[in-house]
Amino acid sequence: MIEYEPGKPFPGVIGRTLDESSTAWPRPTRDGEGAPNVIFFILDDVGYGQISVLGGICETPNLERLANRALRYTNMQTTALCSPTRGCELTGRNHHTLGLSAITELSMGYRRTDQRR
């Protein structure tokens, strides 16, 4: 996988066919040495009454072991769709502010055609 610094020119190739093309991804921000160990679960289409770690009937002993040694945050905002909810949770901002009003699942590794080179 080819990664490049955000803001730098797209190093991939957009050819006429997929065989003539190559993908590249902006380098994500990565945690530094000594960063805290955090596990963040977002479960689509599952309410608090489902899994046993939150009082539900589906037994989840591994999640219970993790949760019993950690902090639990259960007061969160959700939206009607998974992508806007994930955007809210990852950024701490409202999905309207993020421009997320729909499911976003078209991540292909090519620059958008409306972006200048």
PDB file of N, CA and C in Angstrom:
ATOM      1  N   MET A   1       0.836  -1.166   0.000  1.00  0.00           N
ATOM      2  CA  MET A   1       0.000   0.000   0.000  1.00  0.00           C
ATOM      3  C   MET A   1       0.890   1.241   0.000  1.00  0.00           C
ATOM      4  N   ILE A   2       0.606   2.154  -0.882  1.00  0.00           N
ATOM      5  CA  ILE A   2       1.362   3.398  -0.961  1.00  0.00           C
ATOM      6  C   ILE A   2       0.669   4.451  -0.100  1.00  0.00           C
ATOM      7  N   GLU A   3       1.431   5.079   0.803  1.00  0.00           N
ATOM      8  CA  GLU A   3       0.919   6.181   1.615  1.00  0.00           C
ATOM      9  C   GLU A   3       1.686   7.446   1.259  1.00  0.00           C
ATOM     10  N   TYR A   4       0.998   8.576   1.385  1.00  0.00           N
ATOM     11  CA  TYR A   4       1.659   9.859   1.129  1.00  0.00           C
ATOM     12  C   TYR A   4       1.194  10.868   2.153  1.00  0.00           C
ATOM     13  N   GLU A   5       1.997  11.910   2.351  1.00  0.00           N
ATOM     14  CA  GLU A   5       1.674  12.945   3.321  1.00  0.00           C
ATOM     15  C   GLU A   5       0.444  13.725   2.852  1.00  0.00           C
ATOM     16  N   PRO A   6      -0.536  13.927   3.745  1.00  0.00           N
ATOM     17  CA  PRO A   6      -1.700  14.744   3.358  1.00  0.00           C
ATOM     18  C   PRO A   6      -1.255  16.123   2.884  1.00  0.00           C
ATOM     19  N   GLY A   7      -1.883  16.607   1.842  1.00  0.00           N
ATOM     20  CA  GLY A   7      -1.519  17.904   1.268  1.00  0.00           C
ATOM     21  C   GLY A   7      -0.498  17.812   0.158  1.00  0.00           C
ATOM     22  N   LYS A   8       0.158  16.667   0.024  1.00  0.00           N
ATOM     23  CA  LYS A   8       1.135  16.459  -1.053  1.00  0.00           C
ATOM     24  C   LYS A   8       0.401  15.933  -2.285  1.00  0.00           C
ATOM     25  N   PRO A   9       1.028  16.005  -3.455  1.00  0.00           N
ATOM     26  CA  PRO A   9       0.386  15.496  -4.673  1.00  0.00           C
ATOM     27  C   PRO A   9       0.091  13.992  -4.582  1.00  0.00           C
ATOM     28  N   PHE A  10      -0.988  13.586  -5.195  1.00  0.00           N
ATOM     29  CA  PHE A  10      -1.394  12.181  -5.256  1.00  0.00           C
ATOM     30  C   PHE A  10      -0.362  11.384  -6.059  1.00  0.00           C
ATOM     31  N   PRO A  11       0.311  10.395  -5.436  1.00  0.00           N
ATOM     32  CA  PRO A  11       1.356   9.654  -6.138  1.00  0.00           C
ATOM     33  C   PRO A  11       0.839   8.452  -6.929  1.00  0.00           C
ATOM     34  N   GLY A  12      -0.438   8.149  -6.800  1.00  0.00           N
ATOM     35  CA  GLY A  12      -0.993   7.017  -7.534  1.00  0.00           C
ATOM     36  C   GLY A  12      -1.182   7.349  -9.002  1.00  0.00           C
ATOM     37  N   VAL A  13      -1.711   6.410  -9.722  1.00  0.00           N
ATOM     38  CA  VAL A  13      -1.951   6.590 -11.145  1.00  0.00           C
ATOM     39  C   VAL A  13      -3.418   6.322 -11.424  1.00  0.00           C
ATOM     40  N   ILE A  14      -4.066   7.243 -12.128  1.00  0.00           N
ATOM     41  CA  ILE A  14      -5.445   7.025 -12.549  1.00  0.00           C
ATOM     42  C   ILE A  14      -5.418   6.841 -14.053  1.00  0.00           C
ATOM     43  N   GLY A  15      -5.461   5.578 -14.473  1.00  0.00           N
ATOM     44  CA  GLY A  15      -5.419   5.245 -15.893  1.00  0.00           C
ATOM     45  C   GLY A  15      -6.819   5.097 -16.460  1.00  0.00           C
ATOM     46  N   ARG A  16      -6.866   4.695 -17.705  1.00  0.00           N
ATOM     47  CA  ARG A  16      -8.170   4.502 -18.347  1.00  0.00           C
ATOM     48  C   ARG A  16      -8.857   3.241 -17.851  1.00  0.00           C
ATOM     49  N   THR A  17      -8.064   2.266 -17.370  1.00  0.00           N
ATOM     50  CA  THR A  17      -8.632   1.024 -16.839  1.00  0.00           C
ATOM     51  C   THR A  17      -8.041   0.765 -15.460  1.00  0.00           C
ATOM     52  N   LEU A  18      -8.633  -0.168 -14.752  1.00  0.00           N
ATOM     53  CA  LEU A  18      -8.138  -0.531 -13.431  1.00  0.00           C
ATOM     54  C   LEU A  18      -6.732  -1.119 -13.518  1.00  0.00           C
ATOM     55  N   ASP A  19      -6.451  -1.879 -14.564  1.00  0.00           N
ATOM     56  CA  ASP A  19      -5.123  -2.467 -14.735  1.00  0.00           C
ATOM     57  C   ASP A  19      -4.039  -1.407 -14.933  1.00  0.00           C
ATOM     58  N   GLU A  20      -4.404  -0.246 -15.473  1.00  0.00           N
ATOM     59  CA  GLU A  20      -3.443   0.831 -15.701  1.00  0.00           C
ATOM     60  C   GLU A  20      -3.355   1.785 -14.509  1.00  0.00           C
ATOM     61  N   SER A  21      -4.087   1.500 -13.438  1.00  0.00           N
ATOM     62  CA  SER A  21      -4.187   2.412 -12.295  1.00  0.00           C
ATOM     63  C   SER A  21      -3.526   1.820 -11.061  1.00  0.00           C
ATOM     64  N   SER A  22      -3.139   2.701 -10.139  1.00  0.00           N
ATOM     65  CA  SER A  22      -2.617   2.256  -8.848  1.00  0.00           C
ATOM     66  C   SER A  22      -3.120   3.202  -7.767  1.00  0.00           C
ATOM     67  N   THR A  23      -3.467   2.635  -6.617  1.00  0.00           N
ATOM     68  CA  THR A  23      -4.031   3.416  -5.521  1.00  0.00           C
ATOM     69  C   THR A  23      -2.942   4.002  -4.636  1.00  0.00           C
ATOM     70  N   ALA A  24      -3.323   5.008  -3.857  1.00  0.00           N
ATOM     71  CA  ALA A  24      -2.467   5.596  -2.830  1.00  0.00           C
ATOM     72  C   ALA A  24      -3.382   6.228  -1.791  1.00  0.00           C
ATOM     73  N   TRP A  25      -2.954   6.207  -0.540  1.00  0.00           N
ATOM     74  CA  TRP A  25      -3.782   6.686   0.561  1.00  0.00           C
ATOM     75  C   TRP A  25      -3.039   7.747   1.351  1.00  0.00           C
ATOM     76  N   PRO A  26      -3.759   8.806   1.792  1.00  0.00           N
ATOM     77  CA  PRO A  26      -3.101   9.766   2.679  1.00  0.00           C
ATOM     78  C   PRO A  26      -2.667   9.073   3.964  1.00  0.00           C
ATOM     79  N   ARG A  27      -1.458   9.377   4.422  1.00  0.00           N
ATOM     80  CA  ARG A  27      -0.936   8.748   5.639  1.00  0.00           C
ATOM     81  C   ARG A  27      -1.785   9.177   6.834  1.00  0.00           C
ATOM     82  N   PRO A  28      -2.364   8.236   7.576  1.00  0.00           N
ATOM     83  CA  PRO A  28      -3.176   8.608   8.740  1.00  0.00           C
ATOM     84  C   PRO A  28      -2.301   9.028   9.914  1.00  0.00           C
ATOM     85  N   THR A  29      -2.891   9.772  10.814  1.00  0.00           N
ATOM     86  CA  THR A  29      -2.200  10.125  12.046  1.00  0.00           C
ATOM     87  C   THR A  29      -2.083   8.873  12.893  1.00  0.00           C
ATOM     88  N   ARG A  30      -0.894   8.577  13.364  1.00  0.00           N
ATOM     89  CA  ARG A  30      -0.687   7.383  14.176  1.00  0.00           C
ATOM     90  C   ARG A  30      -0.262   7.790  15.581  1.00  0.00           C
ATOM     91  N   ASP A  31      -0.634   6.979  16.563  1.00  0.00           N
ATOM     92  CA  ASP A  31      -0.279   7.261  17.943  1.00  0.00           C
ATOM     93  C   ASP A  31       1.214   7.121  18.156  1.00  0.00           C
ATOM     94  N   GLY A  32       1.721   7.960  19.034  1.00  0.00           N
ATOM     95  CA  GLY A  32       3.136   7.923  19.364  1.00  0.00           C
ATOM     96  C   GLY A  32       3.428   6.908  20.456  1.00  0.00           C
ATOM     97  N   GLU A  33       4.693   6.779  20.767  1.00  0.00           N
ATOM     98  CA  GLU A  33       5.136   5.864  21.822  1.00  0.00           C
ATOM     99  C   GLU A  33       4.503   6.270  23.149  1.00  0.00           C
ATOM    100  N   GLY A  34       3.972   5.301  23.885  1.00  0.00           N
ATOM    101  CA  GLY A  34       3.367   5.560  25.189  1.00  0.00           C
ATOM    102  C   GLY A  34       1.926   6.051  25.140  1.00  0.00           C
ATOM    103  N   ALA A  35       1.301   6.042  23.977  1.00  0.00           N
ATOM    104  CA  ALA A  35      -0.097   6.471  23.867  1.00  0.00           C
ATOM    105  C   ALA A  35      -0.991   5.502  24.641  1.00  0.00           C
ATOM    106  N   PRO A  36      -2.118   5.986  25.179  1.00  0.00           N
ATOM    107  CA  PRO A  36      -2.995   5.096  25.950  1.00  0.00           C
ATOM    108  C   PRO A  36      -3.613   4.013  25.071  1.00  0.00           C
ATOM    109  N   ASN A  37      -3.910   2.891  25.690  1.00  0.00           N
ATOM    110  CA  ASN A  37      -4.529   1.765  25.004  1.00  0.00           C
ATOM    111  C   ASN A  37      -6.040   1.919  25.127  1.00  0.00           C
ATOM    112  N   VAL A  38      -6.716   2.195  24.013  1.00  0.00           N
ATOM    113  CA  VAL A  38      -8.154   2.448  24.027  1.00  0.00           C
ATOM    114  C   VAL A  38      -8.846   1.509  23.056  1.00  0.00           C
ATOM    115  N   ILE A  39      -9.926   0.897  23.508  1.00  0.00           N
ATOM    116  CA  ILE A  39     -10.787   0.093  22.641  1.00  0.00           C
ATOM    117  C   ILE A  39     -12.139   0.782  22.615  1.00  0.00           C
ATOM    118  N   PHE A  40     -12.618   1.080  21.438  1.00  0.00           N
ATOM    119  CA  PHE A  40     -13.870   1.799  21.272  1.00  0.00           C
ATOM    120  C   PHE A  40     -14.780   0.950  20.401  1.00  0.00           C
ATOM    121  N   PHE A  41     -15.911   0.511  20.951  1.00  0.00           N
ATOM    122  CA  PHE A  41     -16.848  -0.331  20.210  1.00  0.00           C
ATOM    123  C   PHE A  41     -18.027   0.492  19.743  1.00  0.00           C
ATOM    124  N   ILE A  42     -18.357   0.378  18.469  1.00  0.00           N
ATOM    125  CA  ILE A  42     -19.617   0.887  17.952  1.00  0.00           C
ATOM    126  C   ILE A  42     -20.286  -0.304  17.280  1.00  0.00           C
ATOM    127  N   LEU A  43     -21.462  -0.656  17.767  1.00  0.00           N
ATOM    128  CA  LEU A  43     -22.193  -1.799  17.228  1.00  0.00           C
ATOM    129  C   LEU A  43     -23.420  -1.307  16.476  1.00  0.00           C
ATOM    130  N   ASP A  44     -23.480  -1.590  15.174  1.00  0.00           N
ATOM    131  CA  ASP A  44     -24.630  -1.183  14.373  1.00  0.00           C
ATOM    132  C   ASP A  44     -25.838  -2.050  14.697  1.00  0.00           C
ATOM    133  N   ASP A  45     -26.992  -1.421  14.765  1.00  0.00           N
ATOM    134  CA  ASP A  45     -28.273  -2.109  14.940  1.00  0.00           C
ATOM    135  C   ASP A  45     -28.346  -2.967  16.188  1.00  0.00           C
ATOM    136  N   VAL A  46     -27.660  -2.565  17.245  1.00  0.00           N
ATOM    137  CA  VAL A  46     -27.686  -3.290  18.516  1.00  0.00           C
ATOM    138  C   VAL A  46     -27.949  -2.280  19.622  1.00  0.00           C
ATOM    139  N   GLY A  47     -28.947  -2.530  20.420  1.00  0.00           N
ATOM    140  CA  GLY A  47     -29.254  -1.629  21.522  1.00  0.00           C
ATOM    141  C   GLY A  47     -28.585  -2.085  22.804  1.00  0.00           C
ATOM    142  N   TYR A  48     -28.714  -1.262  23.853  1.00  0.00           N
ATOM    143  CA  TYR A  48     -28.122  -1.595  25.144  1.00  0.00           C
ATOM    144  C   TYR A  48     -28.736  -2.865  25.730  1.00  0.00           C
ATOM    145  N   GLY A  49     -29.928  -3.215  25.347  1.00  0.00           N
ATOM    146  CA  GLY A  49     -30.586  -4.395  25.899  1.00  0.00           C
ATOM    147  C   GLY A  49     -30.163  -5.694  25.247  1.00  0.00           C
ATOM    148  N   GLN A  50     -29.167  -5.684  24.380  1.00  0.00           N
ATOM    149  CA  GLN A  50     -28.787  -6.887  23.650  1.00  0.00           C
ATOM    150  C   GLN A  50     -27.635  -7.648  24.290  1.00  0.00           C
ATOM    151  N   ILE A  51     -26.518  -6.992  24.545  1.00  0.00           N
ATOM    152  CA  ILE A  51     -25.341  -7.724  25.020  1.00  0.00           C
ATOM    153  C   ILE A  51     -25.261  -7.698  26.546  1.00  0.00           C
ATOM    154  N   SER A  52     -24.761  -8.786  27.115  1.00  0.00           N
ATOM    155  CA  SER A  52     -24.770  -8.955  28.568  1.00  0.00           C
ATOM    156  C   SER A  52     -23.911  -7.924  29.292  1.00  0.00           C
ATOM    157  N   VAL A  53     -22.876  -7.407  28.656  1.00  0.00           N
ATOM    158  CA  VAL A  53     -22.012  -6.435  29.315  1.00  0.00           C
ATOM    159  C   VAL A  53     -22.789  -5.170  29.699  1.00  0.00           C
ATOM    160  N   LEU A  54     -23.893  -4.919  29.011  1.00  0.00           N
ATOM    161  CA  LEU A  54     -24.734  -3.758  29.320  1.00  0.00           C
ATOM    162  C   LEU A  54     -26.109  -4.182  29.843  1.00  0.00           C
ATOM    163  N   GLY A  55     -26.223  -5.422  30.328  1.00  0.00           N
ATOM    164  CA  GLY A  55     -27.470  -5.878  30.934  1.00  0.00           C
ATOM    165  C   GLY A  55     -28.383  -6.678  30.030  1.00  0.00           C
ATOM    166  N   GLY A  56     -27.944  -7.000  28.826  1.00  0.00           N
ATOM    167  CA  GLY A  56     -28.781  -7.738  27.887  1.00  0.00           C
ATOM    168  C   GLY A  56     -28.691  -9.234  28.062  1.00  0.00           C
ATOM    169  N   ILE A  57     -29.410  -9.954  27.203  1.00  0.00           N
ATOM    170  CA  ILE A  57     -29.504 -11.411  27.346  1.00  0.00           C
ATOM    171  C   ILE A  57     -28.467 -12.183  26.531  1.00  0.00           C
ATOM    172  N   CYS A  58     -27.806 -11.558  25.556  1.00  0.00           N
ATOM    173  CA  CYS A  58     -26.779 -12.251  24.764  1.00  0.00           C
ATOM    174  C   CYS A  58     -25.476 -12.266  25.561  1.00  0.00           C
ATOM    175  N   GLU A  59     -25.031 -13.447  25.916  1.00  0.00           N
ATOM    176  CA  GLU A  59     -23.824 -13.566  26.747  1.00  0.00           C
ATOM    177  C   GLU A  59     -22.573 -13.184  25.949  1.00  0.00           C
ATOM    178  N   THR A  60     -21.802 -12.279  26.513  1.00  0.00           N
ATOM    179  CA  THR A  60     -20.571 -11.791  25.884  1.00  0.00           C
ATOM    180  C   THR A  60     -19.465 -11.777  26.939  1.00  0.00           C
ATOM    181  N   PRO A  61     -18.986 -12.961  27.332  1.00  0.00           N
ATOM    182  CA  PRO A  61     -18.015 -13.030  28.426  1.00  0.00           C
ATOM    183  C   PRO A  61     -16.706 -12.303  28.137  1.00  0.00           C
ATOM    184  N   ASN A  62     -16.225 -12.311  26.906  1.00  0.00           N
ATOM    185  CA  ASN A  62     -14.973 -11.605  26.600  1.00  0.00           C
ATOM    186  C   ASN A  62     -15.143 -10.096  26.737  1.00  0.00           C
ATOM    187  N   LEU A  63     -16.263  -9.577  26.251  1.00  0.00           N
ATOM    188  CA  LEU A  63     -16.521  -8.145  26.418  1.00  0.00           C
ATOM    189  C   LEU A  63     -16.704  -7.801  27.889  1.00  0.00           C
ATOM    190  N   GLU A  64     -17.333  -8.697  28.650  1.00  0.00           N
ATOM    191  CA  GLU A  64     -17.513  -8.453  30.084  1.00  0.00           C
ATOM    192  C   GLU A  64     -16.163  -8.373  30.793  1.00  0.00           C
ATOM    193  N   ARG A  65     -15.225  -9.257  30.432  1.00  0.00           N
ATOM    194  CA  ARG A  65     -13.893  -9.216  31.039  1.00  0.00           C
ATOM    195  C   ARG A  65     -13.202  -7.888  30.746  1.00  0.00           C
ATOM    196  N   LEU A  66     -13.293  -7.429  29.498  1.00  0.00           N
ATOM    197  CA  LEU A  66     -12.703  -6.137  29.145  1.00  0.00           C
ATOM    198  C   LEU A  66     -13.380  -4.993  29.901  1.00  0.00           C
ATOM    199  N   ALA A  67     -14.694  -4.983  29.896  1.00  0.00           N
ATOM    200  CA  ALA A  67     -15.447  -3.882  30.500  1.00  0.00           C
ATOM    201  C   ALA A  67     -15.267  -3.826  32.013  1.00  0.00           C
ATOM    202  N   ASN A  68     -15.099  -4.967  32.646  1.00  0.00           N
ATOM    203  CA  ASN A  68     -14.939  -4.984  34.098  1.00  0.00           C
ATOM    204  C   ASN A  68     -13.607  -4.387  34.540  1.00  0.00           C
ATOM    205  N   ARG A  69     -12.671  -4.226  33.611  1.00  0.00           N
ATOM    206  CA  ARG A  69     -11.359  -3.636  33.927  1.00  0.00           C
ATOM    207  C   ARG A  69     -11.208  -2.248  33.317  1.00  0.00           C
ATOM    208  N   ALA A  70     -12.314  -1.638  32.900  1.00  0.00           N
ATOM    209  CA  ALA A  70     -12.198  -0.383  32.155  1.00  0.00           C
ATOM    210  C   ALA A  70     -13.305   0.596  32.549  1.00  0.00           C
ATOM    211  N   LEU A  71     -13.269   1.749  31.935  1.00  0.00           N
ATOM    212  CA  LEU A  71     -14.335   2.734  32.069  1.00  0.00           C
ATOM    213  C   LEU A  71     -15.407   2.439  31.040  1.00  0.00           C
ATOM    214  N   ARG A  72     -16.666   2.712  31.386  1.00  0.00           N
ATOM    215  CA  ARG A  72     -17.768   2.534  30.438  1.00  0.00           C
ATOM    216  C   ARG A  72     -18.452   3.866  30.229  1.00  0.00           C
ATOM    217  N   TYR A  73     -18.508   4.291  28.984  1.00  0.00           N
ATOM    218  CA  TYR A  73     -19.242   5.495  28.625  1.00  0.00           C
ATOM    219  C   TYR A  73     -20.469   5.067  27.843  1.00  0.00           C
ATOM    220  N   THR A  74     -21.641   5.332  28.363  1.00  0.00           N
ATOM    221  CA  THR A  74     -22.859   4.860  27.712  1.00  0.00           C
ATOM    222  C   THR A  74     -23.813   5.986  27.339  1.00  0.00           C
ATOM    223  N   ASN A  75     -23.420   7.233  27.506  1.00  0.00           N
ATOM    224  CA  ASN A  75     -24.267   8.352  27.144  1.00  0.00           C
ATOM    225  C   ASN A  75     -23.714   8.972  25.877  1.00  0.00           C
ATOM    226  N   MET A  76     -24.201   8.524  24.739  1.00  0.00           N
ATOM    227  CA  MET A  76     -23.671   9.013  23.478  1.00  0.00           C
ATOM    228  C   MET A  76     -24.804   9.402  22.548  1.00  0.00           C
ATOM    229  N   GLN A  77     -24.478  10.219  21.578  1.00  0.00           N
ATOM    230  CA  GLN A  77     -25.442  10.637  20.566  1.00  0.00           C
ATOM    231  C   GLN A  77     -25.323   9.710  19.369  1.00  0.00           C
ATOM    232  N   THR A  78     -26.437   9.247  18.859  1.00  0.00           N
ATOM    233  CA  THR A  78     -26.411   8.475  17.628  1.00  0.00           C
ATOM    234  C   THR A  78     -27.247   9.185  16.579  1.00  0.00           C
ATOM    235  N   THR A  79     -27.030   8.819  15.354  1.00  0.00           N
ATOM    236  CA  THR A  79     -27.845   9.317  14.255  1.00  0.00           C
ATOM    237  C   THR A  79     -28.594   8.116  13.690  1.00  0.00           C
ATOM    238  N   ALA A  80     -29.378   8.333  12.683  1.00  0.00           N
ATOM    239  CA  ALA A  80     -30.157   7.241  12.101  1.00  0.00           C
ATOM    240  C   ALA A  80     -29.321   6.332  11.206  1.00  0.00           C
ATOM    241  N   LEU A  81     -28.096   6.733  10.901  1.00  0.00           N
ATOM    242  CA  LEU A  81     -27.249   5.968   9.990  1.00  0.00           C
ATOM    243  C   LEU A  81     -25.883   5.724  10.618  1.00  0.00           C
ATOM    244  N   CYS A  82     -25.221   4.640  10.181  1.00  0.00           N
ATOM    245  CA  CYS A  82     -23.954   4.260  10.806  1.00  0.00           C
ATOM    246  C   CYS A  82     -22.805   5.212  10.481  1.00  0.00           C
ATOM    247  N   SER A  83     -22.640   5.643   9.242  1.00  0.00           N
ATOM    248  CA  SER A  83     -21.504   6.507   8.900  1.00  0.00           C
ATOM    249  C   SER A  83     -21.541   7.840   9.635  1.00  0.00           C
ATOM    250  N   PRO A  84     -22.679   8.546   9.667  1.00  0.00           N
ATOM    251  CA  PRO A  84     -22.706   9.791  10.447  1.00  0.00           C
ATOM    252  C   PRO A  84     -22.443   9.562  11.936  1.00  0.00           C
ATOM    253  N   THR A  85     -22.957   8.463  12.492  1.00  0.00           N
ATOM    254  CA  THR A  85     -22.696   8.167  13.903  1.00  0.00           C
ATOM    255  C   THR A  85     -21.214   7.962  14.134  1.00  0.00           C
ATOM    256  N   ARG A  86     -20.549   7.212  13.283  1.00  0.00           N
ATOM    257  CA  ARG A  86     -19.106   6.988  13.428  1.00  0.00           C
ATOM    258  C   ARG A  86     -18.342   8.297  13.315  1.00  0.00           C
ATOM    259  N   GLY A  87     -18.752   9.149  12.382  1.00  0.00           N
ATOM    260  CA  GLY A  87     -18.104  10.453  12.256  1.00  0.00           C
ATOM    261  C   GLY A  87     -18.234  11.270  13.533  1.00  0.00           C
ATOM    262  N   CYS A  88     -19.422  11.238  14.148  1.00  0.00           N
ATOM    263  CA  CYS A  88     -19.645  11.959  15.407  1.00  0.00           C
ATOM    264  C   CYS A  88     -18.743  11.416  16.503  1.00  0.00           C
ATOM    265  N   GLU A  89     -18.674  10.113  16.622  1.00  0.00           N
ATOM    266  CA  GLU A  89     -17.894   9.497  17.696  1.00  0.00           C
ATOM    267  C   GLU A  89     -16.396   9.711  17.505  1.00  0.00           C
ATOM    268  N   LEU A  90     -15.930   9.684  16.273  1.00  0.00           N
ATOM    269  CA  LEU A  90     -14.494   9.852  16.024  1.00  0.00           C
ATOM    270  C   LEU A  90     -14.027  11.289  16.195  1.00  0.00           C
ATOM    271  N   THR A  91     -14.909  12.254  15.939  1.00  0.00           N
ATOM    272  CA  THR A  91     -14.496  13.653  15.985  1.00  0.00           C
ATOM    273  C   THR A  91     -15.069  14.423  17.168  1.00  0.00           C
ATOM    274  N   GLY A  92     -16.160  13.923  17.768  1.00  0.00           N
ATOM    275  CA  GLY A  92     -16.824  14.650  18.831  1.00  0.00           C
ATOM    276  C   GLY A  92     -17.671  15.803  18.317  1.00  0.00           C
ATOM    277  N   ARG A  93     -17.972  15.792  17.027  1.00  0.00           N
ATOM    278  CA  ARG A  93     -18.743  16.884  16.423  1.00  0.00           C
ATOM    279  C   ARG A  93     -20.063  16.362  15.872  1.00  0.00           C
ATOM    280  N   ASN A  94     -20.998  17.254  15.675  1.00  0.00           N
ATOM    281  CA  ASN A  94     -22.299  16.927  15.115  1.00  0.00           C
ATOM    282  C   ASN A  94     -22.149  16.483  13.656  1.00  0.00           C
ATOM    283  N   HIS A  95     -22.954  15.515  13.238  1.00  0.00           N
ATOM    284  CA  HIS A  95     -22.814  14.998  11.869  1.00  0.00           C
ATOM    285  C   HIS A  95     -23.143  16.044  10.808  1.00  0.00           C
ATOM    286  N   HIS A  96     -23.988  17.033  11.118  1.00  0.00           N
ATOM    287  CA  HIS A  96     -24.258  18.106  10.157  1.00  0.00           C
ATOM    288  C   HIS A  96     -23.018  18.971   9.957  1.00  0.00           C
ATOM    289  N   THR A  97     -22.293  19.223  11.042  1.00  0.00           N
ATOM    290  CA  THR A  97     -21.057  20.001  10.959  1.00  0.00           C
ATOM    291  C   THR A  97     -20.028  19.279  10.101  1.00  0.00           C
ATOM    292  N   LEU A  98     -20.022  17.954  10.169  1.00  0.00           N
ATOM    293  CA  LEU A  98     -19.068  17.148   9.401  1.00  0.00           C
ATOM    294  C   LEU A  98     -19.461  16.988   7.940  1.00  0.00           C
ATOM    295  N   GLY A  99     -20.700  17.348   7.606  1.00  0.00           N
ATOM    296  CA  GLY A  99     -21.175  17.144   6.236  1.00  0.00           C
ATOM    297  C   GLY A  99     -21.515  15.694   5.960  1.00  0.00           C
ATOM    298  N   LEU A 100     -21.837  14.952   7.002  1.00  0.00           N
ATOM    299  CA  LEU A 100     -22.189  13.533   6.853  1.00  0.00           C
ATOM    300  C   LEU A 100     -23.699  13.365   7.005  1.00  0.00           C
ATOM    301  N   SER A 101     -24.371  13.317   5.891  1.00  0.00           N
ATOM    302  CA  SER A 101     -25.818  13.128   5.938  1.00  0.00           C
ATOM    303  C   SER A 101     -26.238  11.799   5.335  1.00  0.00           C
ATOM    304  N   ALA A 102     -25.260  10.985   4.956  1.00  0.00           N
ATOM    305  CA  ALA A 102     -25.570   9.716   4.297  1.00  0.00           C
ATOM    306  C   ALA A 102     -24.487   8.694   4.634  1.00  0.00           C
ATOM    307  N   ILE A 103     -24.716   7.467   4.228  1.00  0.00           N
ATOM    308  CA  ILE A 103     -23.722   6.412   4.418  1.00  0.00           C
ATOM    309  C   ILE A 103     -22.588   6.638   3.418  1.00  0.00           C
ATOM    310  N   THR A 104     -21.371   6.642   3.910  1.00  0.00           N
ATOM    311  CA  THR A 104     -20.206   6.877   3.050  1.00  0.00           C
ATOM    312  C   THR A 104     -19.387   5.594   2.981  1.00  0.00           C
ATOM    313  N   GLU A 105     -19.435   4.931   1.874  1.00  0.00           N
ATOM    314  CA  GLU A 105     -18.691   3.682   1.748  1.00  0.00           C
ATOM    315  C   GLU A 105     -18.013   3.544   0.389  1.00  0.00           C
ATOM    316  N   LEU A 106     -17.495   4.645  -0.105  1.00  0.00           N
ATOM    317  CA  LEU A 106     -16.814   4.620  -1.391  1.00  0.00           C
ATOM    318  C   LEU A 106     -15.380   5.095  -1.215  1.00  0.00           C
ATOM    319  N   SER A 107     -14.614   4.345  -0.443  1.00  0.00           N
ATOM    320  CA  SER A 107     -13.216   4.670  -0.213  1.00  0.00           C
ATOM    321  C   SER A 107     -12.382   3.772  -1.115  1.00  0.00           C
ATOM    322  N   MET A 108     -11.808   4.350  -2.176  1.00  0.00           N
ATOM    323  CA  MET A 108     -11.174   3.532  -3.201  1.00  0.00           C
ATOM    324  C   MET A 108      -9.683   3.750  -3.358  1.00  0.00           C
ATOM    325  N   GLY A 109      -9.092   4.748  -2.701  1.00  0.00           N
ATOM    326  CA  GLY A 109      -7.659   4.962  -2.823  1.00  0.00           C
ATOM    327  C   GLY A 109      -7.245   5.797  -4.014  1.00  0.00           C
ATOM    328  N   TYR A 110      -8.209   6.459  -4.660  1.00  0.00           N
ATOM    329  CA  TYR A 110      -7.898   7.369  -5.760  1.00  0.00           C
ATOM    330  C   TYR A 110      -8.327   8.764  -5.359  1.00  0.00           C
ATOM    331  N   ARG A 111      -7.631   9.780  -5.841  1.00  0.00           N
ATOM    332  CA  ARG A 111      -8.056  11.144  -5.535  1.00  0.00           C
ATOM    333  C   ARG A 111      -9.385  11.398  -6.242  1.00  0.00           C
ATOM    334  N   ARG A 112     -10.165  12.320  -5.669  1.00  0.00           N
ATOM    335  CA  ARG A 112     -11.430  12.684  -6.297  1.00  0.00           C
ATOM    336  C   ARG A 112     -11.138  13.389  -7.603  1.00  0.00           C
ATOM    337  N   THR A 113     -11.990  13.215  -8.591  1.00  0.00           N
ATOM    338  CA  THR A 113     -11.738  13.821  -9.905  1.00  0.00           C
ATOM    339  C   THR A 113     -11.922  15.316  -9.890  1.00  0.00           C
ATOM    340  N   ASP A 114     -12.602  15.858  -8.842  1.00  0.00           N
ATOM    341  CA  ASP A 114     -12.768  17.311  -8.782  1.00  0.00           C
ATOM    342  C   ASP A 114     -11.616  17.990  -8.033  1.00  0.00           C
ATOM    343  N   GLN A 115     -10.628  17.222  -7.580  1.00  0.00           N
ATOM    344  CA  GLN A 115      -9.461  17.801  -6.913  1.00  0.00           C
ATOM    345  C   GLN A 115      -8.403  18.150  -7.947  1.00  0.00           C
ATOM    346  N   ARG A 116      -7.802  19.285  -7.759  1.00  0.00           N
ATOM    347  CA  ARG A 116      -6.736  19.686  -8.687  1.00  0.00           C
ATOM    348  C   ARG A 116      -5.455  18.955  -8.365  1.00  0.00           C
ATOM    349  N   ARG A 117      -4.631  18.768  -9.334  1.00  0.00           N
ATOM    350  CA  ARG A 117      -3.366  18.038  -9.131  1.00  0.00           C
ATOM    351  C   ARG A 117      -2.355  18.865  -8.423  1.00  0.00           C
TER     352      ARG A 117
END
